[in-house]
Amino acid sequence: MSAIEPPLRVAIAGLGFGEKVHLPALRACAHSQPVALWHPRQERLEAACRKAELAGSSDFAALLDDPAVDAVVIATPPAPRFALARQALEAGKHVMLEKPVALCSEDAEELQRLALSNKLTVAVDFEYRAVPLFQQLEALIRSGVLGEPYLVKLDWLMGSRADGSRPWNWYSQRSEGGGVLGALGTHAFDTLHWLVGPTRSLRAQLSTAIQQRPLPEGSLAAGSQAEGTLATVDAEDIALVQLELESPSGDPVPAQMTLASVARRGRGYWIELYGSGGTVVLGSDNQADYVHGFGLWQSQGGEPLRPIEPDPQWAFERTWEDGRIAPVERIHGWWSQAIDQGRPMVPGLGEGILSQRCCDWARNGFCS
C-alpha cells in the first residue's frame, strides 16, 4: 500500500498518552507525520518540543491557525476534550479523539453534527480493533464459527489503581471523566458492539473501593485542608454491567461485563463468546501491557478448547517495547486513508457515541 502524498500533517494536543504513544505512532506511520505539539503549560510544552524537535504552542487557537496543521490528535484528559475538538472542527481540522470522546453522549453527538456539516473526518482511538488477535477473533466470528451467539462474558480486571497511595488526580473525579468506565468501559462496550452488535439495554452497579487518595504535592482539591491530606474519590473503580446486545440476525444476546482497576493480581482481559455452533475465547493475564500476551482459543461442537495460532495477515510490521504504539499506528493509517479517500472513518464518532451512551446509561444505573 503506497503512502499518501503528501502525508497528513498532525498536531498533538496533550502530552501524556499523546507524547508516549501518538508521537512515535505518527512517526512510524507512512501516511502521516507530527508537525506540532500543544499543552497549556508552557514549561511542560517547551521540554516536550525540545525532546521531539517539533514546534509547539500553548495557544490552541494559534495552533489551529497554522496552515501547516491538517489535523489534530486530542489526547488530553477527558474534561477539556469536547471543547478542544469543537474548536478544531470549527477551524476546519480533522480530528482524532482519545476515549471517552466527551463527558456525555450529547456532546459527542454535537461533534458528529459539526464534523458532518464541515465534511471533516473524526477518528476515535479504539485501538483494540487494530490488535492482531482481536482482528482474527472478529474474522472468526464473521466466518460463522459461533453460529447464533448465545452469551458473551467480558472480564477486565486490572490492578493499575489498587495501590491506595497512588495520588488523587482527574481520574479520581467523576466530573472530570475519571473512573473505570471511561478508561476501560469505553473500549469494552465498543468491542462488544463490534463483535456482536449494539446494546439494546443495560443495568449496572458501580462502586468505589478506594474512596480517598493522597493529594500530590502542589495540588488542591475540594474539601482538603493542606497538601498531603486525603481527597475524596467519587469516580467508580469497579463496574458490574448486565447488557442485552442485538445480534446481526436481530436476536437478543445476553452479555455480562466486569471491570475493575483495583483488582490486585486480577486475571487481566478475557472475553468469552458462546454460540449454537461453538465457543471462542480471547484473553491475556499480562497486567504490564494491554496489547502483548493475548491468546485465542476455539471449540466447535463439544470438543475441548484448542489454541488458535496467530494468523500472519494481521501481524504488526514492528514490535514495540510499548505495545500500545503498534495498534495506534494502525489506527492512524486508517484515519489518514479515510481522509485521503473522503470516506467515513471506522472507528469514528458513530462508534464513540454508542460507547459513550452505554457509559451514560451505566452511570444512571440502567436503560431499558
Protein backbone atom coordinates (compact mmCIF):
# COMPACT_ATOMS: atom_id res chain seq x y z
CA MET A 1 0.00 0.00 0.00
CA SER A 2 1.63 3.26 -1.07
CA ALA A 3 2.00 6.23 1.23
CA ILE A 4 -0.45 9.09 0.95
CA GLU A 5 1.10 12.11 -0.80
CA PRO A 6 1.53 14.45 0.87
CA PRO A 7 1.33 12.83 4.34
CA LEU A 8 -1.26 14.10 6.78
CA ARG A 9 0.33 16.81 8.95
CA VAL A 10 -0.81 16.27 12.52
CA ALA A 11 -0.55 18.29 15.72
CA ILE A 12 -0.82 16.56 19.09
CA ALA A 13 -2.78 18.17 21.93
CA GLY A 14 -1.89 16.60 25.27
CA LEU A 15 1.48 15.27 26.35
CA GLY A 16 0.75 12.17 28.40
CA PHE A 17 -0.52 9.40 26.11
CA GLY A 18 -0.01 11.87 23.26
CA GLU A 19 3.75 12.08 23.77
CA LYS A 20 4.30 8.46 24.81
CA VAL A 21 2.13 6.73 22.19
CA HIS A 22 0.71 9.02 19.49
CA LEU A 23 4.00 10.75 18.74
CA PRO A 24 6.00 7.58 17.94
CA ALA A 25 2.95 6.09 16.21
CA LEU A 26 2.67 9.09 13.91
CA ARG A 27 6.37 8.99 13.14
CA ALA A 28 6.15 5.31 12.25
CA CYS A 29 3.03 5.72 10.09
CA ALA A 30 3.74 6.06 6.36
CA HIS A 31 0.62 8.16 5.86
CA SER A 32 1.14 10.92 8.43
CA GLN A 33 3.72 12.99 10.28
CA PRO A 34 3.70 15.00 13.51
CA VAL A 35 4.31 18.71 12.98
CA ALA A 36 3.45 20.43 16.27
CA LEU A 37 2.60 19.96 19.95
CA TRP A 38 0.16 21.73 22.27
CA HIS A 39 -0.02 21.86 26.05
CA PRO A 40 -1.46 24.61 28.28
CA ARG A 41 1.64 24.75 30.50
CA GLN A 42 4.48 26.47 28.65
CA GLU A 43 7.26 24.82 30.68
CA ARG A 44 5.94 21.35 30.00
CA LEU A 45 5.42 22.20 26.33
CA GLU A 46 8.95 23.56 25.84
CA ALA A 47 10.51 20.44 27.34
CA ALA A 48 8.48 18.18 25.06
CA CYS A 49 9.22 20.29 21.97
CA ARG A 50 12.96 20.20 22.67
CA LYS A 51 12.91 16.45 23.08
CA ALA A 52 10.75 15.85 19.99
CA GLU A 53 12.40 18.58 17.91
CA LEU A 54 8.98 19.93 16.96
CA ALA A 55 7.30 23.30 17.05
CA GLY A 56 4.68 23.93 19.69
CA SER A 57 2.20 26.38 21.11
CA SER A 58 0.36 26.82 24.39
CA ASP A 59 -2.27 28.83 22.47
CA PHE A 60 -4.69 26.33 20.91
CA ALA A 61 -6.27 28.92 18.61
CA ALA A 62 -2.83 29.86 17.27
CA LEU A 63 -2.06 26.19 16.66
CA LEU A 64 -5.27 25.83 14.65
CA ASP A 65 -4.46 28.94 12.63
CA ASP A 66 -1.25 27.31 11.38
CA PRO A 67 -1.80 26.26 7.72
CA ALA A 68 0.87 23.58 8.20
CA VAL A 69 -1.53 21.69 10.50
CA ASP A 70 -4.09 19.49 8.70
CA ALA A 71 -5.38 17.54 11.69
CA VAL A 72 -5.20 17.32 15.47
CA VAL A 73 -4.91 14.39 17.86
CA ILE A 74 -6.67 15.31 21.12
CA ALA A 75 -5.12 13.18 23.85
CA THR A 76 -5.81 15.42 26.84
CA PRO A 77 -7.64 14.28 29.97
CA PRO A 78 -11.37 13.84 29.20
CA ALA A 79 -12.84 17.08 30.57
CA PRO A 80 -11.37 19.57 28.03
CA ARG A 81 -11.63 17.14 25.11
CA PHE A 82 -15.05 18.23 23.82
CA ALA A 83 -14.27 21.96 23.74
CA LEU A 84 -10.91 21.39 22.03
CA ALA A 85 -12.45 19.05 19.45
CA ARG A 86 -15.25 21.50 18.70
CA GLN A 87 -12.72 24.31 18.26
CA ALA A 88 -10.59 22.16 15.93
CA LEU A 89 -13.59 21.16 13.79
CA GLU A 90 -14.76 24.76 13.57
CA ALA A 91 -11.25 25.63 12.33
CA GLY A 92 -11.53 23.02 9.56
CA LYS A 93 -9.16 20.44 11.05
CA HIS A 94 -9.66 16.69 11.00
CA VAL A 95 -9.58 15.19 14.50
CA MET A 96 -8.54 12.01 16.28
CA LEU A 97 -10.05 11.66 19.75
CA GLU A 98 -8.99 9.58 22.68
CA LYS A 99 -11.78 7.96 24.62
CA PRO A 100 -14.07 8.77 26.27
CA VAL A 101 -14.71 11.18 23.40
CA ALA A 102 -16.65 13.52 25.71
CA LEU A 103 -18.22 13.60 29.16
CA CYS A 104 -21.65 12.71 27.77
CA SER A 105 -23.10 11.31 24.58
CA GLU A 106 -24.93 14.57 23.78
CA ASP A 107 -21.57 16.34 23.43
CA ALA A 108 -20.29 13.54 21.19
CA GLU A 109 -23.40 13.88 19.03
CA GLU A 110 -22.74 17.61 18.68
CA LEU A 111 -19.21 16.85 17.46
CA GLN A 112 -20.61 14.41 14.93
CA ARG A 113 -23.03 17.02 13.55
CA LEU A 114 -20.23 19.56 13.30
CA ALA A 115 -17.88 17.11 11.56
CA LEU A 116 -20.54 16.14 9.03
CA SER A 117 -21.50 19.73 8.27
CA ASN A 118 -17.84 20.69 7.74
CA LYS A 119 -17.01 17.50 5.80
CA LEU A 120 -14.28 16.54 8.26
CA THR A 121 -13.13 13.09 9.37
CA VAL A 122 -13.03 12.21 13.06
CA ALA A 123 -11.33 9.05 14.30
CA VAL A 124 -11.72 7.55 17.76
CA ASP A 125 -8.75 5.64 19.14
CA PHE A 126 -10.44 2.31 19.86
CA GLU A 127 -7.09 0.63 19.36
CA TYR A 128 -8.24 -2.89 20.26
CA ARG A 129 -9.89 -3.01 16.83
CA ALA A 130 -6.33 -2.84 15.47
CA VAL A 131 -4.76 -5.55 17.68
CA PRO A 132 -3.98 -8.64 15.55
CA LEU A 133 -5.69 -11.32 17.67
CA PHE A 134 -8.76 -9.14 18.12
CA GLN A 135 -8.93 -8.75 14.33
CA GLN A 136 -8.51 -12.51 13.97
CA LEU A 137 -11.28 -13.08 16.52
CA GLU A 138 -13.61 -10.78 14.59
CA ALA A 139 -12.83 -12.65 11.36
CA LEU A 140 -13.55 -16.00 13.05
CA ILE A 141 -16.92 -14.76 14.28
CA ARG A 142 -17.82 -13.39 10.84
CA SER A 143 -16.92 -16.78 9.33
CA GLY A 144 -19.73 -18.34 11.36
CA VAL A 145 -17.80 -20.48 13.86
CA LEU A 146 -20.11 -19.42 16.69
CA GLY A 147 -23.35 -19.96 14.83
CA GLU A 148 -26.00 -17.88 16.56
CA PRO A 149 -24.45 -16.11 19.57
CA TYR A 150 -26.00 -17.18 22.87
CA LEU A 151 -23.92 -15.49 25.57
CA VAL A 152 -20.98 -13.11 25.92
CA LYS A 153 -18.85 -12.62 29.03
CA LEU A 154 -16.15 -9.94 29.30
CA ASP A 155 -13.92 -9.60 32.36
CA TRP A 156 -11.30 -6.85 32.53
CA LEU A 157 -9.76 -6.98 35.98
CA MET A 158 -6.68 -4.80 36.37
CA GLY A 159 -4.69 -3.63 39.37
CA SER A 160 -3.36 -0.34 37.99
CA ARG A 161 -5.05 1.67 40.76
CA ALA A 162 -5.08 -0.96 43.51
CA ASP A 163 -2.41 0.91 45.46
CA GLY A 164 -4.25 3.30 47.76
CA SER A 165 -1.20 5.57 47.94
CA ARG A 166 -1.44 6.37 44.25
CA PRO A 167 -2.18 10.12 44.20
CA TRP A 168 -5.55 11.75 43.64
CA ASN A 169 -5.94 13.33 40.19
CA TRP A 170 -8.56 13.81 37.46
CA TYR A 171 -9.04 10.03 37.25
CA SER A 172 -10.45 10.20 40.79
CA GLN A 173 -13.19 12.63 39.77
CA ARG A 174 -16.39 11.64 38.04
CA SER A 175 -16.98 15.22 36.87
CA GLU A 176 -13.61 15.15 35.04
CA GLY A 177 -14.34 11.91 33.19
CA GLY A 178 -12.40 9.72 35.58
CA GLY A 179 -13.20 6.17 36.56
CA VAL A 180 -13.04 2.68 35.16
CA LEU A 181 -15.95 3.22 32.74
CA GLY A 182 -14.05 5.88 30.83
CA ALA A 183 -10.72 4.08 30.98
CA LEU A 184 -11.80 0.51 30.24
CA GLY A 185 -15.55 0.52 29.73
CA THR A 186 -15.41 2.68 26.60
CA HIS A 187 -13.16 0.07 24.95
CA ALA A 188 -15.20 -2.84 26.31
CA PHE A 189 -18.55 -1.52 25.06
CA ASP A 190 -17.05 -0.82 21.64
CA THR A 191 -15.60 -4.33 21.46
CA LEU A 192 -18.99 -5.91 22.21
CA HIS A 193 -20.69 -3.73 19.59
CA TRP A 194 -18.00 -4.60 17.03
CA LEU A 195 -18.01 -8.35 17.65
CA VAL A 196 -21.72 -8.93 18.35
CA GLY A 197 -23.97 -5.90 17.89
CA PRO A 198 -25.31 -2.74 19.54
CA THR A 199 -26.59 -2.53 23.09
CA ARG A 200 -30.39 -2.67 23.45
CA SER A 201 -30.46 -2.22 27.22
CA LEU A 202 -28.22 -2.49 30.26
CA ARG A 203 -28.20 -2.45 34.03
CA ALA A 204 -25.12 -1.50 36.02
CA GLN A 205 -23.78 -1.46 39.54
CA LEU A 206 -20.86 0.89 40.13
CA SER A 207 -18.72 1.16 43.25
CA THR A 208 -15.65 2.94 44.52
CA ALA A 209 -13.41 0.67 46.57
CA ILE A 210 -10.68 3.25 47.34
CA GLN A 211 -12.66 6.29 48.44
CA GLN A 212 -9.78 8.61 49.35
CA ARG A 213 -6.36 9.24 47.87
CA PRO A 214 -3.48 11.50 48.94
CA LEU A 215 -3.15 14.87 47.26
CA PRO A 216 0.00 15.18 45.18
CA GLU A 217 2.39 17.97 46.05
CA GLY A 218 1.28 21.33 44.74
CA SER A 219 -2.37 20.45 44.14
CA LEU A 220 -5.62 21.34 45.85
CA ALA A 221 -8.93 19.51 45.99
CA ALA A 222 -12.34 20.46 47.29
CA GLY A 223 -12.63 19.62 50.96
CA SER A 224 -8.87 19.26 51.52
CA GLN A 225 -7.14 21.40 54.11
CA ALA A 226 -3.49 21.02 53.07
CA GLU A 227 -1.11 19.18 50.84
CA GLY A 228 -0.57 15.61 51.96
CA THR A 229 -4.14 15.23 53.15
CA LEU A 230 -6.61 12.83 51.60
CA ALA A 231 -9.02 13.90 48.88
CA THR A 232 -12.34 12.24 48.12
CA VAL A 233 -12.61 9.85 45.18
CA ASP A 234 -16.08 9.77 43.62
CA ALA A 235 -15.26 8.04 40.32
CA GLU A 236 -16.02 4.33 40.13
CA ASP A 237 -13.17 1.82 40.17
CA ILE A 238 -15.45 -1.24 39.80
CA ALA A 239 -18.34 -1.71 37.35
CA LEU A 240 -20.66 -4.71 37.03
CA VAL A 241 -22.81 -4.47 33.90
CA GLN A 242 -25.55 -6.71 32.51
CA LEU A 243 -26.36 -6.00 28.86
CA GLU A 244 -28.67 -7.13 26.12
CA LEU A 245 -26.95 -6.90 22.74
CA GLU A 246 -28.56 -7.26 19.33
CA SER A 247 -27.07 -9.91 17.06
CA PRO A 248 -26.75 -9.40 13.27
CA SER A 249 -29.91 -11.51 12.87
CA GLY A 250 -31.79 -9.18 15.24
CA ASP A 251 -31.96 -11.61 18.15
CA PRO A 252 -31.17 -10.52 21.72
CA VAL A 253 -27.85 -11.72 23.14
CA PRO A 254 -27.27 -11.54 26.92
CA ALA A 255 -23.86 -10.23 27.94
CA GLN A 256 -22.06 -9.69 31.21
CA MET A 257 -19.19 -7.27 31.80
CA THR A 258 -16.99 -6.92 34.90
CA LEU A 259 -14.50 -4.07 35.03
CA ALA A 260 -12.05 -3.17 37.79
CA SER A 261 -8.93 -1.05 38.12
CA VAL A 262 -8.31 -2.09 41.74
CA ALA A 263 -8.10 -5.90 41.37
CA ARG A 264 -4.78 -6.96 42.87
CA ARG A 265 -3.49 -9.90 40.83
CA GLY A 266 -6.55 -9.53 38.63
CA ARG A 267 -6.91 -12.03 35.81
CA GLY A 268 -6.50 -9.34 33.13
CA TYR A 269 -8.64 -9.19 29.99
CA TRP A 270 -10.82 -12.14 28.96
CA ILE A 271 -13.74 -12.27 26.56
CA GLU A 272 -15.77 -15.47 26.07
CA LEU A 273 -18.32 -15.87 23.28
CA TYR A 274 -20.71 -18.84 23.27
CA GLY A 275 -22.99 -19.76 20.40
CA SER A 276 -25.06 -22.51 18.80
CA GLY A 277 -22.04 -23.81 16.88
CA GLY A 278 -19.10 -23.25 19.15
CA THR A 279 -17.11 -21.18 21.60
CA VAL A 280 -14.32 -18.63 21.15
CA VAL A 281 -12.17 -17.23 23.96
CA LEU A 282 -9.58 -14.46 23.82
CA GLY A 283 -7.58 -13.34 26.82
CA SER A 284 -4.41 -12.19 28.50
CA ASP A 285 -3.26 -12.03 32.11
CA ASN A 286 -0.47 -9.57 31.25
CA GLN A 287 -1.03 -6.65 33.63
CA ALA A 288 2.04 -4.79 32.35
CA ASP A 289 0.94 -4.49 28.71
CA TYR A 290 -2.59 -4.07 27.38
CA VAL A 291 -1.64 -5.44 23.94
CA HIS A 292 1.07 -8.10 24.18
CA GLY A 293 0.35 -11.52 25.65
CA PHE A 294 -3.10 -12.33 24.22
CA GLY A 295 -4.08 -15.86 23.30
CA LEU A 296 -7.01 -17.15 21.25
CA TRP A 297 -8.89 -20.44 21.73
CA GLN A 298 -11.75 -22.09 19.83
CA SER A 299 -14.12 -25.02 20.29
CA GLN A 300 -16.75 -26.34 17.89
CA GLY A 301 -19.43 -28.77 18.86
CA GLY A 302 -18.48 -30.48 22.11
CA GLU A 303 -14.73 -30.61 21.53
CA PRO A 304 -12.29 -29.13 24.07
CA LEU A 305 -10.97 -25.64 23.59
CA ARG A 306 -7.85 -25.60 21.42
CA PRO A 307 -5.39 -22.76 20.88
CA ILE A 308 -5.51 -20.93 17.56
CA GLU A 309 -2.20 -19.87 16.03
CA PRO A 310 -1.89 -16.17 15.16
CA ASP A 311 -2.65 -15.51 11.50
CA PRO A 312 0.28 -13.58 9.95
CA GLN A 313 -2.07 -11.50 7.81
CA TRP A 314 -2.99 -9.48 10.92
CA ALA A 315 0.55 -9.16 12.32
CA PHE A 316 2.25 -5.85 13.00
CA GLU A 317 5.29 -4.99 10.91
CA ARG A 318 7.21 -3.99 14.04
CA THR A 319 7.22 -4.98 17.69
CA TRP A 320 7.47 -2.07 20.11
CA GLU A 321 8.53 -2.16 23.74
CA ASP A 322 5.32 -0.25 24.48
CA GLY A 323 2.67 -2.49 22.95
CA ARG A 324 0.19 0.37 22.58
CA ILE A 325 2.16 2.07 19.81
CA ALA A 326 1.61 -0.52 17.05
CA PRO A 327 -2.22 -0.58 17.15
CA VAL A 328 -2.36 3.20 17.46
CA GLU A 329 -0.09 3.46 14.41
CA ARG A 330 -2.54 1.21 12.55
CA ILE A 331 -5.46 3.45 13.57
CA HIS A 332 -3.51 6.47 12.32
CA GLY A 333 -3.06 4.76 8.98
CA TRP A 334 -6.80 4.06 8.69
CA TRP A 335 -7.59 7.67 9.63
CA SER A 336 -5.19 9.15 7.08
CA GLN A 337 -6.55 6.90 4.34
CA ALA A 338 -10.17 7.75 5.23
CA ILE A 339 -9.33 11.46 4.96
CA ASP A 340 -7.47 10.96 1.68
CA GLN A 341 -10.33 8.95 0.17
CA GLY A 342 -13.12 11.13 1.57
CA ARG A 343 -14.93 8.25 3.26
CA PRO A 344 -16.24 7.73 6.81
CA MET A 345 -13.77 6.65 9.47
CA VAL A 346 -14.33 3.44 11.42
CA PRO A 347 -13.86 3.57 14.33
CA GLY A 348 -15.15 7.11 14.42
CA LEU A 349 -17.73 9.22 16.19
CA GLY A 350 -20.56 6.82 15.34
CA GLU A 351 -18.81 4.12 17.36
CA GLY A 352 -17.74 6.63 20.01
CA ILE A 353 -21.32 7.78 20.54
CA LEU A 354 -22.60 4.22 21.01
CA SER A 355 -19.89 3.52 23.56
CA GLN A 356 -20.38 6.80 25.42
CA ARG A 357 -24.14 6.29 25.52
CA CYS A 358 -23.56 2.99 27.34
CA CYS A 359 -21.29 4.75 29.85
CA ASP A 360 -24.03 7.33 30.43
CA TRP A 361 -26.61 4.61 30.94
CA ALA A 362 -24.32 2.73 33.32
CA ARG A 363 -23.83 5.83 35.45
CA ASN A 364 -27.61 6.24 35.59
CA GLY A 365 -27.91 2.64 36.75
CA PHE A 366 -29.92 1.24 33.84
CA CYS A 367 -31.56 1.81 30.49
CA SER A 368 -34.24 -0.42 29.01
